Amino acid sequence: MIRLGSKSPTRALILKNFGINFIQNGGEFDEDSITTTNPKSFCYEATKGKFKELYEKYGIEDMPLLVADSVVTTNGELLRKAKDEDDARRMLGLQSGNEISVITCMIYKSKTKELVDISITTYQFEKFDEQDVKDYIKSGECFGKAGAIMVEGFCKPYIKEYIGYESCAMGLTIEKLLPHL
């Protein structure tokens, strides 16, 4: 049994799909306190901040702690979670027909092991259909997602190619975690 320090239903689903027993306890770390605009640094600092908060609250005596965070970048711009429909539209417009990278950082700590990993998965997208974008934003699925994207959902038909792990783009690079469990 591990503690997933995240509110993400997608991260929980990844663990469930791989048969990993867990309980889920997200925190309240304020990502707006991070000042860097460097995507890798931001992702690491957010994960480290969330880990520190939850480690202080729960420790690792009862069970190991796993925390992760993701960001999206395109043309050197850091794309976090969309704040509203206009922000989602802007982010999706930047990604349409473009190359994007999803950066996921995870920290796993048990009594005997500690893993800190930063993984990157890069996608080349076809141009998004305008009506699909409108419908996607209206559905609300884009909110709470780094860069407002869902590679396993909305973006799937637009993927020309990708390099990396799809799980990384979904918020938890499970392939790198499994050997440590």
N, C-alpha and C. Protein backbone atom coordinates (compact mmCIF):
# COMPACT_ATOMS: atom_id res chain seq x y z
N MET A 1 0.86 -1.19 0.00
CA MET A 1 0.00 0.00 0.00
C MET A 1 0.90 1.24 0.00
N ILE A 2 0.55 2.19 -0.86
CA ILE A 2 1.26 3.47 -0.87
C ILE A 2 0.25 4.61 -0.72
N ARG A 3 0.76 5.80 -0.35
CA ARG A 3 -0.07 6.99 -0.26
C ARG A 3 0.20 7.82 -1.52
N LEU A 4 -0.84 8.06 -2.32
CA LEU A 4 -0.74 8.93 -3.47
C LEU A 4 -1.05 10.34 -3.01
N GLY A 5 -0.04 11.18 -3.02
CA GLY A 5 -0.19 12.58 -2.60
C GLY A 5 -0.60 13.44 -3.77
N SER A 6 -1.82 13.24 -4.24
CA SER A 6 -2.33 13.95 -5.42
C SER A 6 -3.84 13.83 -5.44
N LYS A 7 -4.51 14.86 -5.92
CA LYS A 7 -5.96 14.82 -6.07
C LYS A 7 -6.36 14.31 -7.46
N SER A 8 -5.38 14.05 -8.31
CA SER A 8 -5.64 13.70 -9.70
C SER A 8 -6.34 12.35 -9.87
N PRO A 9 -7.52 12.34 -10.49
CA PRO A 9 -8.17 11.07 -10.78
C PRO A 9 -7.40 10.26 -11.83
N THR A 10 -6.68 10.93 -12.71
CA THR A 10 -5.89 10.22 -13.73
C THR A 10 -4.72 9.48 -13.10
N ARG A 11 -4.02 10.10 -12.17
CA ARG A 11 -2.93 9.41 -11.47
C ARG A 11 -3.46 8.22 -10.69
N ALA A 12 -4.60 8.40 -10.04
CA ALA A 12 -5.21 7.29 -9.29
C ALA A 12 -5.57 6.14 -10.24
N LEU A 13 -6.09 6.48 -11.41
CA LEU A 13 -6.46 5.46 -12.39
C LEU A 13 -5.24 4.69 -12.89
N ILE A 14 -4.13 5.39 -13.09
CA ILE A 14 -2.89 4.72 -13.52
C ILE A 14 -2.48 3.68 -12.47
N LEU A 15 -2.46 4.07 -11.20
CA LEU A 15 -2.09 3.12 -10.14
C LEU A 15 -3.07 1.94 -10.10
N LYS A 16 -4.35 2.24 -10.20
CA LYS A 16 -5.37 1.18 -10.17
C LYS A 16 -5.17 0.21 -11.34
N ASN A 17 -4.92 0.77 -12.53
CA ASN A 17 -4.75 -0.08 -13.72
C ASN A 17 -3.53 -0.99 -13.63
N PHE A 18 -2.55 -0.60 -12.82
CA PHE A 18 -1.36 -1.43 -12.63
C PHE A 18 -1.44 -2.27 -11.36
N GLY A 19 -2.61 -2.31 -10.74
CA GLY A 19 -2.83 -3.17 -9.58
C GLY A 19 -2.09 -2.73 -8.33
N ILE A 20 -1.81 -1.44 -8.20
CA ILE A 20 -1.08 -0.94 -7.04
C ILE A 20 -2.10 -0.45 -6.01
N ASN A 21 -2.04 -1.02 -4.81
CA ASN A 21 -2.92 -0.59 -3.73
C ASN A 21 -2.46 0.74 -3.18
N PHE A 22 -3.40 1.66 -3.02
CA PHE A 22 -3.05 3.00 -2.56
C PHE A 22 -4.22 3.65 -1.86
N ILE A 23 -3.90 4.67 -1.09
CA ILE A 23 -4.91 5.61 -0.62
C ILE A 23 -4.51 6.96 -1.18
N GLN A 24 -5.48 7.83 -1.37
CA GLN A 24 -5.23 9.10 -2.03
C GLN A 24 -5.48 10.24 -1.07
N ASN A 25 -4.44 11.06 -0.86
CA ASN A 25 -4.53 12.23 -0.01
C ASN A 25 -3.81 13.39 -0.69
N GLY A 26 -4.54 14.28 -1.31
CA GLY A 26 -3.93 15.45 -1.93
C GLY A 26 -3.67 16.52 -0.89
N GLY A 27 -2.83 17.47 -1.25
CA GLY A 27 -2.49 18.55 -0.35
C GLY A 27 -3.03 19.88 -0.83
N GLU A 28 -2.49 20.95 -0.26
CA GLU A 28 -2.94 22.30 -0.58
C GLU A 28 -1.78 23.20 -0.99
N PHE A 29 -0.68 22.62 -1.47
CA PHE A 29 0.48 23.42 -1.84
C PHE A 29 0.10 24.47 -2.88
N ASP A 30 0.57 25.70 -2.68
CA ASP A 30 0.25 26.82 -3.56
C ASP A 30 1.30 26.93 -4.67
N GLU A 31 0.96 26.43 -5.86
CA GLU A 31 1.88 26.49 -6.99
C GLU A 31 2.15 27.93 -7.42
N ASP A 32 1.26 28.85 -7.10
CA ASP A 32 1.48 30.26 -7.45
C ASP A 32 2.63 30.87 -6.67
N SER A 33 3.11 30.16 -5.64
CA SER A 33 4.27 30.65 -4.87
C SER A 33 5.58 30.42 -5.62
N ILE A 34 5.54 29.65 -6.69
CA ILE A 34 6.74 29.35 -7.47
C ILE A 34 6.94 30.46 -8.50
N THR A 35 8.15 31.02 -8.53
CA THR A 35 8.39 32.17 -9.40
C THR A 35 9.09 31.83 -10.71
N THR A 36 9.73 30.67 -10.79
CA THR A 36 10.45 30.34 -12.02
C THR A 36 9.49 30.09 -13.18
N THR A 37 9.93 30.44 -14.37
CA THR A 37 9.15 30.13 -15.57
C THR A 37 9.82 29.03 -16.38
N ASN A 38 10.94 28.49 -15.87
CA ASN A 38 11.60 27.36 -16.53
C ASN A 38 10.74 26.12 -16.28
N PRO A 39 10.24 25.48 -17.35
CA PRO A 39 9.30 24.37 -17.15
C PRO A 39 9.81 23.23 -16.28
N LYS A 40 11.04 22.76 -16.50
CA LYS A 40 11.58 21.66 -15.68
C LYS A 40 11.71 22.09 -14.23
N SER A 41 12.24 23.28 -14.02
CA SER A 41 12.41 23.78 -12.64
C SER A 41 11.07 23.94 -11.96
N PHE A 42 10.10 24.49 -12.68
CA PHE A 42 8.77 24.67 -12.10
C PHE A 42 8.19 23.33 -11.67
N CYS A 43 8.26 22.36 -12.55
CA CYS A 43 7.69 21.04 -12.27
C CYS A 43 8.35 20.41 -11.04
N TYR A 44 9.69 20.50 -10.97
CA TYR A 44 10.41 19.95 -9.84
C TYR A 44 10.04 20.67 -8.54
N GLU A 45 10.02 22.01 -8.59
CA GLU A 45 9.70 22.78 -7.38
C GLU A 45 8.28 22.51 -6.90
N ALA A 46 7.34 22.37 -7.83
CA ALA A 46 5.95 22.07 -7.44
C ALA A 46 5.87 20.69 -6.79
N THR A 47 6.54 19.71 -7.37
CA THR A 47 6.52 18.36 -6.81
C THR A 47 7.19 18.34 -5.45
N LYS A 48 8.32 19.01 -5.35
CA LYS A 48 9.05 19.07 -4.07
C LYS A 48 8.21 19.76 -3.00
N GLY A 49 7.53 20.84 -3.36
CA GLY A 49 6.68 21.55 -2.40
C GLY A 49 5.52 20.69 -1.92
N LYS A 50 4.89 19.99 -2.84
CA LYS A 50 3.78 19.10 -2.49
C LYS A 50 4.27 17.95 -1.63
N PHE A 51 5.44 17.40 -1.99
CA PHE A 51 6.01 16.29 -1.23
C PHE A 51 6.30 16.73 0.21
N LYS A 52 6.96 17.88 0.34
CA LYS A 52 7.32 18.37 1.68
C LYS A 52 6.08 18.55 2.55
N GLU A 53 5.04 19.15 2.00
CA GLU A 53 3.79 19.36 2.74
C GLU A 53 3.21 18.04 3.22
N LEU A 54 3.12 17.06 2.33
CA LEU A 54 2.50 15.79 2.68
C LEU A 54 3.40 14.90 3.53
N TYR A 55 4.70 15.01 3.34
CA TYR A 55 5.65 14.26 4.17
C TYR A 55 5.54 14.75 5.62
N GLU A 56 5.44 16.07 5.80
CA GLU A 56 5.30 16.63 7.16
C GLU A 56 3.98 16.20 7.79
N LYS A 57 2.95 16.07 6.99
CA LYS A 57 1.63 15.70 7.51
C LYS A 57 1.51 14.21 7.79
N TYR A 58 2.02 13.36 6.86
CA TYR A 58 1.80 11.91 6.97
C TYR A 58 3.05 11.09 7.27
N GLY A 59 4.23 11.62 6.91
CA GLY A 59 5.45 10.84 7.06
C GLY A 59 5.44 9.63 6.15
N ILE A 60 6.32 8.68 6.45
CA ILE A 60 6.38 7.45 5.65
C ILE A 60 6.40 6.21 6.54
N GLU A 61 6.13 6.38 7.83
CA GLU A 61 6.17 5.24 8.76
C GLU A 61 5.09 4.22 8.43
N ASP A 62 3.89 4.68 8.13
CA ASP A 62 2.77 3.78 7.83
C ASP A 62 2.84 3.22 6.42
N MET A 63 3.23 4.07 5.48
CA MET A 63 3.30 3.65 4.07
C MET A 63 4.12 4.64 3.28
N PRO A 64 4.70 4.19 2.17
CA PRO A 64 5.48 5.08 1.31
C PRO A 64 4.60 6.20 0.74
N LEU A 65 5.25 7.30 0.39
CA LEU A 65 4.56 8.46 -0.16
C LEU A 65 5.00 8.68 -1.61
N LEU A 66 4.02 8.90 -2.48
CA LEU A 66 4.27 9.19 -3.89
C LEU A 66 3.58 10.50 -4.25
N VAL A 67 4.35 11.44 -4.79
CA VAL A 67 3.82 12.73 -5.21
C VAL A 67 4.30 13.00 -6.63
N ALA A 68 3.45 13.60 -7.46
CA ALA A 68 3.84 13.92 -8.84
C ALA A 68 3.20 15.23 -9.27
N ASP A 69 3.80 15.85 -10.27
CA ASP A 69 3.24 17.05 -10.88
C ASP A 69 3.66 17.07 -12.34
N SER A 70 2.87 17.74 -13.18
CA SER A 70 3.16 17.82 -14.61
C SER A 70 2.95 19.24 -15.11
N VAL A 71 3.72 19.60 -16.12
CA VAL A 71 3.51 20.84 -16.86
C VAL A 71 3.66 20.53 -18.34
N VAL A 72 3.19 21.45 -19.15
CA VAL A 72 3.31 21.34 -20.60
C VAL A 72 4.11 22.54 -21.08
N THR A 73 4.91 22.33 -22.11
CA THR A 73 5.66 23.43 -22.70
C THR A 73 5.60 23.34 -24.22
N THR A 74 5.48 24.48 -24.84
CA THR A 74 5.56 24.58 -26.30
C THR A 74 6.20 25.92 -26.63
N ASN A 75 7.06 25.92 -27.62
CA ASN A 75 7.79 27.14 -28.00
C ASN A 75 8.45 27.81 -26.80
N GLY A 76 8.90 27.01 -25.83
CA GLY A 76 9.58 27.53 -24.65
C GLY A 76 8.67 28.11 -23.59
N GLU A 77 7.35 28.12 -23.83
CA GLU A 77 6.41 28.69 -22.87
C GLU A 77 5.88 27.61 -21.93
N LEU A 78 5.88 27.92 -20.65
CA LEU A 78 5.33 27.06 -19.61
C LEU A 78 3.82 27.17 -19.62
N LEU A 79 3.14 26.04 -19.79
CA LEU A 79 1.68 26.01 -19.77
C LEU A 79 1.24 25.20 -18.55
N ARG A 80 0.58 25.87 -17.63
CA ARG A 80 0.08 25.20 -16.43
C ARG A 80 -1.38 24.84 -16.64
N LYS A 81 -2.17 24.85 -15.60
CA LYS A 81 -3.60 24.55 -15.73
C LYS A 81 -4.33 25.79 -16.22
N ALA A 82 -5.29 25.60 -17.11
CA ALA A 82 -6.07 26.72 -17.63
C ALA A 82 -6.91 27.34 -16.51
N LYS A 83 -6.90 28.66 -16.44
CA LYS A 83 -7.65 29.38 -15.40
C LYS A 83 -9.11 29.60 -15.81
N ASP A 84 -9.37 29.65 -17.11
CA ASP A 84 -10.73 29.86 -17.61
C ASP A 84 -10.79 29.43 -19.07
N GLU A 85 -11.94 29.61 -19.70
CA GLU A 85 -12.11 29.17 -21.09
C GLU A 85 -11.16 29.88 -22.05
N ASP A 86 -10.97 31.17 -21.87
CA ASP A 86 -10.06 31.92 -22.75
C ASP A 86 -8.63 31.41 -22.63
N ASP A 87 -8.21 31.11 -21.41
CA ASP A 87 -6.86 30.59 -21.18
C ASP A 87 -6.71 29.20 -21.82
N ALA A 88 -7.74 28.37 -21.71
CA ALA A 88 -7.71 27.04 -22.33
C ALA A 88 -7.64 27.17 -23.85
N ARG A 89 -8.42 28.06 -24.41
CA ARG A 89 -8.42 28.29 -25.86
C ARG A 89 -7.04 28.76 -26.32
N ARG A 90 -6.43 29.66 -25.57
CA ARG A 90 -5.10 30.18 -25.90
C ARG A 90 -4.08 29.04 -25.89
N MET A 91 -4.10 28.23 -24.84
CA MET A 91 -3.14 27.12 -24.71
C MET A 91 -3.31 26.11 -25.84
N LEU A 92 -4.55 25.74 -26.10
CA LEU A 92 -4.82 24.77 -27.17
C LEU A 92 -4.41 25.33 -28.53
N GLY A 93 -4.60 26.64 -28.72
CA GLY A 93 -4.17 27.28 -29.96
C GLY A 93 -2.67 27.22 -30.15
N LEU A 94 -1.92 27.38 -29.07
CA LEU A 94 -0.46 27.28 -29.14
C LEU A 94 0.00 25.87 -29.50
N GLN A 95 -0.77 24.86 -29.09
CA GLN A 95 -0.38 23.47 -29.29
C GLN A 95 -0.85 22.89 -30.61
N SER A 96 -1.90 23.48 -31.18
CA SER A 96 -2.48 22.98 -32.42
C SER A 96 -1.47 23.00 -33.55
N GLY A 97 -1.21 21.83 -34.16
CA GLY A 97 -0.26 21.73 -35.27
C GLY A 97 1.18 21.94 -34.85
N ASN A 98 1.46 21.79 -33.58
CA ASN A 98 2.78 22.12 -33.05
C ASN A 98 3.37 20.95 -32.26
N GLU A 99 4.63 21.09 -31.87
CA GLU A 99 5.30 20.14 -31.00
C GLU A 99 5.18 20.64 -29.57
N ILE A 100 4.83 19.73 -28.68
CA ILE A 100 4.71 20.08 -27.26
C ILE A 100 5.45 19.02 -26.45
N SER A 101 5.84 19.40 -25.26
CA SER A 101 6.44 18.44 -24.33
C SER A 101 5.68 18.46 -23.02
N VAL A 102 5.43 17.28 -22.48
CA VAL A 102 4.84 17.14 -21.15
C VAL A 102 5.98 16.72 -20.23
N ILE A 103 6.16 17.48 -19.17
CA ILE A 103 7.20 17.19 -18.19
C ILE A 103 6.50 16.73 -16.91
N THR A 104 6.87 15.55 -16.42
CA THR A 104 6.30 15.03 -15.19
C THR A 104 7.44 14.72 -14.22
N CYS A 105 7.29 15.24 -13.02
CA CYS A 105 8.24 14.94 -11.94
C CYS A 105 7.50 14.11 -10.91
N MET A 106 8.18 13.09 -10.39
CA MET A 106 7.59 12.33 -9.28
C MET A 106 8.65 12.10 -8.21
N ILE A 107 8.17 12.07 -6.99
CA ILE A 107 9.02 11.74 -5.84
C ILE A 107 8.32 10.60 -5.10
N TYR A 108 9.06 9.53 -4.91
CA TYR A 108 8.57 8.36 -4.16
C TYR A 108 9.55 8.11 -3.02
N LYS A 109 9.03 7.97 -1.82
CA LYS A 109 9.91 7.71 -0.68
C LYS A 109 9.26 6.68 0.24
N SER A 110 10.06 5.63 0.53
CA SER A 110 9.66 4.64 1.52
C SER A 110 10.73 4.66 2.62
N LYS A 111 10.66 3.73 3.54
CA LYS A 111 11.67 3.67 4.60
C LYS A 111 13.04 3.31 4.04
N THR A 112 13.08 2.62 2.90
CA THR A 112 14.36 2.14 2.37
C THR A 112 14.74 2.71 1.01
N LYS A 113 13.81 3.37 0.32
CA LYS A 113 14.09 3.85 -1.04
C LYS A 113 13.59 5.26 -1.23
N GLU A 114 14.31 5.98 -2.11
CA GLU A 114 13.84 7.29 -2.53
C GLU A 114 14.11 7.42 -4.02
N LEU A 115 13.08 7.82 -4.76
CA LEU A 115 13.18 8.01 -6.19
C LEU A 115 12.72 9.42 -6.52
N VAL A 116 13.56 10.14 -7.25
CA VAL A 116 13.17 11.44 -7.81
C VAL A 116 13.38 11.30 -9.31
N ASP A 117 12.32 11.50 -10.08
CA ASP A 117 12.41 11.33 -11.52
C ASP A 117 11.74 12.50 -12.23
N ILE A 118 12.39 12.98 -13.27
CA ILE A 118 11.78 13.95 -14.18
C ILE A 118 11.80 13.31 -15.56
N SER A 119 10.62 13.11 -16.12
CA SER A 119 10.47 12.50 -17.43
C SER A 119 9.82 13.49 -18.39
N ILE A 120 10.14 13.34 -19.66
CA ILE A 120 9.57 14.21 -20.69
C ILE A 120 9.05 13.35 -21.83
N THR A 121 7.84 13.62 -22.24
CA THR A 121 7.26 12.99 -23.42
C THR A 121 6.91 14.12 -24.38
N THR A 122 7.36 13.97 -25.62
CA THR A 122 7.16 15.01 -26.63
C THR A 122 6.19 14.51 -27.70
N TYR A 123 5.25 15.35 -28.04
CA TYR A 123 4.22 15.05 -29.04
C TYR A 123 4.31 16.01 -30.21
N GLN A 124 3.98 15.51 -31.37
CA GLN A 124 3.74 16.36 -32.54
C GLN A 124 2.25 16.22 -32.84
N PHE A 125 1.53 17.34 -32.78
CA PHE A 125 0.09 17.33 -33.01
C PHE A 125 -0.25 17.82 -34.41
N GLU A 126 -1.29 17.24 -34.99
CA GLU A 126 -1.94 17.79 -36.18
C GLU A 126 -2.67 19.06 -35.74
N LYS A 127 -3.12 19.85 -36.67
CA LYS A 127 -3.92 21.02 -36.35
C LYS A 127 -5.26 20.56 -35.77
N PHE A 128 -5.65 21.15 -34.64
CA PHE A 128 -6.91 20.80 -33.99
C PHE A 128 -8.09 21.39 -34.78
N ASP A 129 -9.18 20.64 -34.86
CA ASP A 129 -10.41 21.11 -35.46
C ASP A 129 -11.07 22.13 -34.53
N GLU A 130 -11.46 23.27 -35.08
CA GLU A 130 -12.04 24.36 -34.27
C GLU A 130 -13.27 23.90 -33.47
N GLN A 131 -14.15 23.14 -34.11
CA GLN A 131 -15.36 22.69 -33.42
C GLN A 131 -15.01 21.71 -32.30
N ASP A 132 -14.03 20.85 -32.54
CA ASP A 132 -13.58 19.91 -31.50
C ASP A 132 -13.05 20.68 -30.29
N VAL A 133 -12.29 21.75 -30.55
CA VAL A 133 -11.75 22.57 -29.46
C VAL A 133 -12.89 23.20 -28.67
N LYS A 134 -13.87 23.78 -29.36
CA LYS A 134 -15.02 24.40 -28.69
C LYS A 134 -15.76 23.38 -27.82
N ASP A 135 -16.01 22.20 -28.39
CA ASP A 135 -16.73 21.15 -27.65
C ASP A 135 -15.92 20.68 -26.44
N TYR A 136 -14.62 20.54 -26.62
CA TYR A 136 -13.74 20.09 -25.54
C TYR A 136 -13.74 21.11 -24.39
N ILE A 137 -13.61 22.37 -24.73
CA ILE A 137 -13.61 23.41 -23.69
C ILE A 137 -14.98 23.43 -22.99
N LYS A 138 -16.04 23.36 -23.77
CA LYS A 138 -17.39 23.37 -23.20
C LYS A 138 -17.62 22.18 -22.26
N SER A 139 -17.00 21.03 -22.56
CA SER A 139 -17.15 19.84 -21.72
C SER A 139 -16.53 20.02 -20.33
N GLY A 140 -15.56 20.94 -20.23
CA GLY A 140 -14.87 21.17 -18.96
C GLY A 140 -13.73 20.21 -18.69
N GLU A 141 -13.54 19.21 -19.56
CA GLU A 141 -12.47 18.22 -19.35
C GLU A 141 -11.08 18.84 -19.39
N CYS A 142 -10.94 20.00 -20.01
CA CYS A 142 -9.63 20.63 -20.16
C CYS A 142 -9.15 21.26 -18.85
N PHE A 143 -10.05 21.48 -17.92
CA PHE A 143 -9.67 22.14 -16.68
C PHE A 143 -9.06 21.15 -15.70
N GLY A 144 -8.06 21.62 -14.96
CA GLY A 144 -7.35 20.76 -14.03
C GLY A 144 -6.27 19.94 -14.70
N LYS A 145 -6.04 20.18 -15.99
CA LYS A 145 -5.03 19.44 -16.77
C LYS A 145 -3.92 20.40 -17.17
N ALA A 146 -2.68 19.98 -17.00
CA ALA A 146 -1.55 20.79 -17.44
C ALA A 146 -1.69 21.08 -18.93
N GLY A 147 -1.58 22.35 -19.30
CA GLY A 147 -1.69 22.74 -20.70
C GLY A 147 -3.07 22.54 -21.28
N ALA A 148 -4.05 22.20 -20.46
CA ALA A 148 -5.43 21.95 -20.87
C ALA A 148 -5.57 20.76 -21.81
N ILE A 149 -4.55 19.86 -21.83
CA ILE A 149 -4.61 18.74 -22.77
C ILE A 149 -4.90 17.42 -22.08
N MET A 150 -5.45 16.51 -22.88
CA MET A 150 -5.68 15.12 -22.47
C MET A 150 -5.19 14.25 -23.62
N VAL A 151 -3.96 13.73 -23.48
CA VAL A 151 -3.43 12.91 -24.57
C VAL A 151 -4.20 11.60 -24.71
N GLU A 152 -4.84 11.17 -23.63
CA GLU A 152 -5.61 9.94 -23.68
C GLU A 152 -7.05 10.20 -24.13
N GLY A 153 -7.41 11.47 -24.32
CA GLY A 153 -8.76 11.84 -24.70
C GLY A 153 -8.77 12.74 -25.92
N PHE A 154 -9.06 14.02 -25.68
CA PHE A 154 -9.20 15.00 -26.76
C PHE A 154 -8.06 14.95 -27.78
N CYS A 155 -6.82 14.90 -27.32
CA CYS A 155 -5.67 15.00 -28.23
C CYS A 155 -5.38 13.74 -29.02
N LYS A 156 -5.86 12.61 -28.57
CA LYS A 156 -5.48 11.32 -29.16
C LYS A 156 -5.59 11.29 -30.70
N PRO A 157 -6.71 11.73 -31.29
CA PRO A 157 -6.78 11.66 -32.76
C PRO A 157 -5.85 12.64 -33.48
N TYR A 158 -5.28 13.58 -32.75
CA TYR A 158 -4.42 14.59 -33.37
C TYR A 158 -2.93 14.29 -33.22
N ILE A 159 -2.59 13.18 -32.57
CA ILE A 159 -1.18 12.83 -32.36
C ILE A 159 -0.59 12.29 -33.65
N LYS A 160 0.41 13.00 -34.19
CA LYS A 160 1.13 12.51 -35.37
C LYS A 160 2.18 11.49 -34.93
N GLU A 161 2.92 11.86 -33.89
CA GLU A 161 3.94 10.98 -33.33
C GLU A 161 4.30 11.46 -31.94
N TYR A 162 4.93 10.56 -31.18
CA TYR A 162 5.41 10.97 -29.86
C TYR A 162 6.63 10.15 -29.49
N ILE A 163 7.43 10.74 -28.59
CA ILE A 163 8.62 10.09 -28.06
C ILE A 163 8.50 10.15 -26.54
N GLY A 164 8.53 9.01 -25.89
CA GLY A 164 8.45 8.95 -24.44
C GLY A 164 7.33 8.04 -24.00
N TYR A 165 7.00 8.13 -22.73
CA TYR A 165 5.95 7.31 -22.13
C TYR A 165 4.63 8.06 -22.12
N GLU A 166 3.57 7.40 -22.59
CA GLU A 166 2.25 8.03 -22.52
C GLU A 166 1.86 8.28 -21.07
N SER A 167 2.26 7.40 -20.15
CA SER A 167 1.93 7.59 -18.74
C SER A 167 2.53 8.89 -18.20
N CYS A 168 3.70 9.27 -18.70
CA CYS A 168 4.32 10.54 -18.31
C CYS A 168 3.39 11.69 -18.67
N ALA A 169 2.84 11.64 -19.88
CA ALA A 169 1.95 12.70 -20.35
C ALA A 169 0.62 12.69 -19.60
N MET A 170 0.30 11.57 -18.96
CA MET A 170 -0.93 11.48 -18.17
C MET A 170 -0.69 11.87 -16.71
N GLY A 171 0.57 12.12 -16.34
CA GLY A 171 0.84 12.65 -15.01
C GLY A 171 1.59 11.76 -14.04
N LEU A 172 1.96 10.55 -14.45
CA LEU A 172 2.70 9.66 -13.56
C LEU A 172 3.44 8.62 -14.40
N THR A 173 4.75 8.70 -14.42
CA THR A 173 5.54 7.79 -15.25
C THR A 173 5.68 6.45 -14.54
N ILE A 174 4.64 5.65 -14.68
CA ILE A 174 4.51 4.39 -13.95
C ILE A 174 5.63 3.41 -14.30
N GLU A 175 6.08 3.42 -15.54
CA GLU A 175 7.14 2.49 -15.97
C GLU A 175 8.43 2.70 -15.17
N LYS A 176 8.67 3.91 -14.73
CA LYS A 176 9.87 4.19 -13.94
C LYS A 176 9.65 3.95 -12.44
N LEU A 177 8.40 3.95 -12.03
CA LEU A 177 8.09 3.70 -10.62
C LEU A 177 8.04 2.22 -10.27
N LEU A 178 7.50 1.41 -11.17
CA LEU A 178 7.26 -0.01 -10.88
C LEU A 178 8.48 -0.75 -10.32
N PRO A 179 9.69 -0.59 -10.87
CA PRO A 179 10.83 -1.34 -10.33
C PRO A 179 11.15 -1.01 -8.86
N HIS A 180 10.64 0.11 -8.36
CA HIS A 180 10.96 0.54 -7.00
C HIS A 180 9.90 0.13 -5.98
N LEU A 181 8.82 -0.45 -6.47
CA LEU A 181 7.76 -0.87 -5.54
C LEU A 181 7.97 -2.28 -5.05
